[in-house]
Every structure is written in structure tokens, then in C-alpha cells.
Amino acid sequence: MTRPILLLFAIIPLFLCLACSNPEVENEIRTLESKKTELEGQIQALQVQVDSLQKENKKMQDKLSALDMN
């Protein structure tokens, strides 16, 4: 008797998820995921630029320190 009840409790959430699917919401989710991926790529590109600028800044600081007479 417990096996059919467990099966029923396992199947009900599946049907509820399928019944609640909305194509408009799914399209919006896909659009937002695409935008998120695009933004993550931009963040990575900007991080590379930041790292490069930080290295350049460090070099300039070292040159300035070398020129300092004090």
C-alpha cells in the first residue's frame, strides 16, 4: 500500500511542473540567460583590461619610485 502512495507523491509534482509551464515565461528565461551569458563575457573582457591596467600602474609606480630622490 505504501508503494502506490509513494509513487503518487512522486508523480504529482511532475504533473504540477508540467501544468505550470508557460511559453512566454520560458522565452523570457531564455532571453535573460542569453543576456547573462553576454554580460559574463563582457565582465571577463573587462577583467582582463583591469588586470592589464593594474600591471601598467605597478610598472609606472616602480619607475616613479626609482626617480624619487628622497
C-alpha atoms as a PDB file:
ATOM      1  CA  MET A   1       0.000   0.000   0.000  1.00  0.00           C
ATOM      2  CA  THR A   2       2.831   2.416   0.744  1.00  0.00           C
ATOM      3  CA  ARG A   3       4.455   1.856  -2.637  1.00  0.00           C
ATOM      4  CA  PRO A   4       1.494   3.237  -4.661  1.00  0.00           C
ATOM      5  CA  ILE A   5       1.265   6.201  -2.292  1.00  0.00           C
ATOM      6  CA  LEU A   6       4.975   6.957  -2.708  1.00  0.00           C
ATOM      7  CA  LEU A   7       4.599   6.658  -6.471  1.00  0.00           C
ATOM      8  CA  LEU A   8       1.654   9.031  -6.368  1.00  0.00           C
ATOM      9  CA  PHE A   9       3.643  11.569  -4.321  1.00  0.00           C
ATOM     10  CA  ALA A  10       6.483  11.287  -6.831  1.00  0.00           C
ATOM     11  CA  ILE A  11       4.262  11.774  -9.887  1.00  0.00           C
ATOM     12  CA  ILE A  12       2.117  14.667  -8.605  1.00  0.00           C
ATOM     13  CA  PRO A  13       4.964  17.247  -8.530  1.00  0.00           C
ATOM     14  CA  LEU A  14       5.963  16.229 -12.043  1.00  0.00           C
ATOM     15  CA  PHE A  15       2.472  16.895 -13.356  1.00  0.00           C
ATOM     16  CA  LEU A  16       2.285  20.164 -11.446  1.00  0.00           C
ATOM     17  CA  CYS A  17       5.531  21.340 -13.027  1.00  0.00           C
ATOM     18  CA  LEU A  18       4.358  20.390 -16.492  1.00  0.00           C
ATOM     19  CA  ALA A  19       0.974  22.015 -15.986  1.00  0.00           C
ATOM     20  CA  CYS A  20       2.543  25.274 -14.837  1.00  0.00           C
ATOM     21  CA  SER A  21       4.879  25.722 -17.788  1.00  0.00           C
ATOM     22  CA  ASN A  22       4.287  28.940 -19.648  1.00  0.00           C
ATOM     23  CA  PRO A  23       5.884  29.524 -23.069  1.00  0.00           C
ATOM     24  CA  GLU A  24       6.161  33.286 -22.515  1.00  0.00           C
ATOM     25  CA  VAL A  25       7.968  32.797 -19.226  1.00  0.00           C
ATOM     26  CA  GLU A  26      10.223  30.159 -20.765  1.00  0.00           C
ATOM     27  CA  ASN A  27      11.120  32.566 -23.609  1.00  0.00           C
ATOM     28  CA  GLU A  28      11.862  35.309 -21.105  1.00  0.00           C
ATOM     29  CA  ILE A  29      14.062  32.931 -19.110  1.00  0.00           C
ATOM     30  CA  ARG A  30      15.991  32.010 -22.281  1.00  0.00           C
ATOM     31  CA  THR A  31      16.380  35.692 -23.162  1.00  0.00           C
ATOM     32  CA  LEU A  32      17.621  36.546 -19.689  1.00  0.00           C
ATOM     33  CA  GLU A  33      20.028  33.593 -19.662  1.00  0.00           C
ATOM     34  CA  SER A  34      21.418  34.743 -23.012  1.00  0.00           C
ATOM     35  CA  LYS A  35      21.813  38.284 -21.688  1.00  0.00           C
ATOM     36  CA  LYS A  36      23.506  36.910 -18.551  1.00  0.00           C
ATOM     37  CA  THR A  37      25.972  34.928 -20.667  1.00  0.00           C
ATOM     38  CA  GLU A  38      26.707  38.018 -22.758  1.00  0.00           C
ATOM     39  CA  LEU A  39      27.278  40.132 -19.649  1.00  0.00           C
ATOM     40  CA  GLU A  40      29.545  37.490 -18.125  1.00  0.00           C
ATOM     41  CA  GLY A  41      31.646  37.603 -21.290  1.00  0.00           C
ATOM     42  CA  GLN A  42      31.855  41.384 -21.051  1.00  0.00           C
ATOM     43  CA  ILE A  43      32.857  41.119 -17.399  1.00  0.00           C
ATOM     44  CA  GLN A  44      35.660  38.706 -18.288  1.00  0.00           C
ATOM     45  CA  ALA A  45      36.914  41.028 -21.044  1.00  0.00           C
ATOM     46  CA  LEU A  46      36.833  43.982 -18.665  1.00  0.00           C
ATOM     47  CA  GLN A  47      38.647  41.991 -16.000  1.00  0.00           C
ATOM     48  CA  VAL A  48      41.457  41.316 -18.482  1.00  0.00           C
ATOM     49  CA  GLN A  49      41.667  45.053 -19.151  1.00  0.00           C
ATOM     50  CA  VAL A  50      41.687  45.840 -15.431  1.00  0.00           C
ATOM     51  CA  ASP A  51      44.469  43.319 -14.831  1.00  0.00           C
ATOM     52  CA  SER A  52      46.489  44.825 -17.662  1.00  0.00           C
ATOM     53  CA  LEU A  53      45.984  48.358 -16.337  1.00  0.00           C
ATOM     54  CA  GLN A  54      46.966  47.276 -12.843  1.00  0.00           C
ATOM     55  CA  LYS A  55      50.206  45.806 -14.182  1.00  0.00           C
ATOM     56  CA  GLU A  56      50.900  49.006 -16.109  1.00  0.00           C
ATOM     57  CA  ASN A  57      50.159  51.063 -12.995  1.00  0.00           C
ATOM     58  CA  LYS A  58      52.574  48.938 -10.975  1.00  0.00           C
ATOM     59  CA  LYS A  59      55.308  49.488 -13.579  1.00  0.00           C
ATOM     60  CA  MET A  60      54.706  53.243 -13.504  1.00  0.00           C
ATOM     61  CA  GLN A  61      54.778  53.288  -9.701  1.00  0.00           C
ATOM     62  CA  ASP A  62      58.089  51.414  -9.762  1.00  0.00           C
ATOM     63  CA  LYS A  63      59.528  53.914 -12.276  1.00  0.00           C
ATOM     64  CA  LEU A  64      58.345  56.839 -10.151  1.00  0.00           C
ATOM     65  CA  SER A  65      59.882  55.280  -7.059  1.00  0.00           C
ATOM     66  CA  ALA A  66      63.163  54.820  -8.910  1.00  0.00           C
ATOM     67  CA  LEU A  67      63.146  58.501  -9.904  1.00  0.00           C
ATOM     68  CA  ASP A  68      62.372  59.684  -6.384  1.00  0.00           C
ATOM     69  CA  MET A  69      65.440  61.290  -4.886  1.00  0.00           C
ATOM     70  CA  ASN A  70      64.337  61.065  -1.259  1.00  0.00           C
END
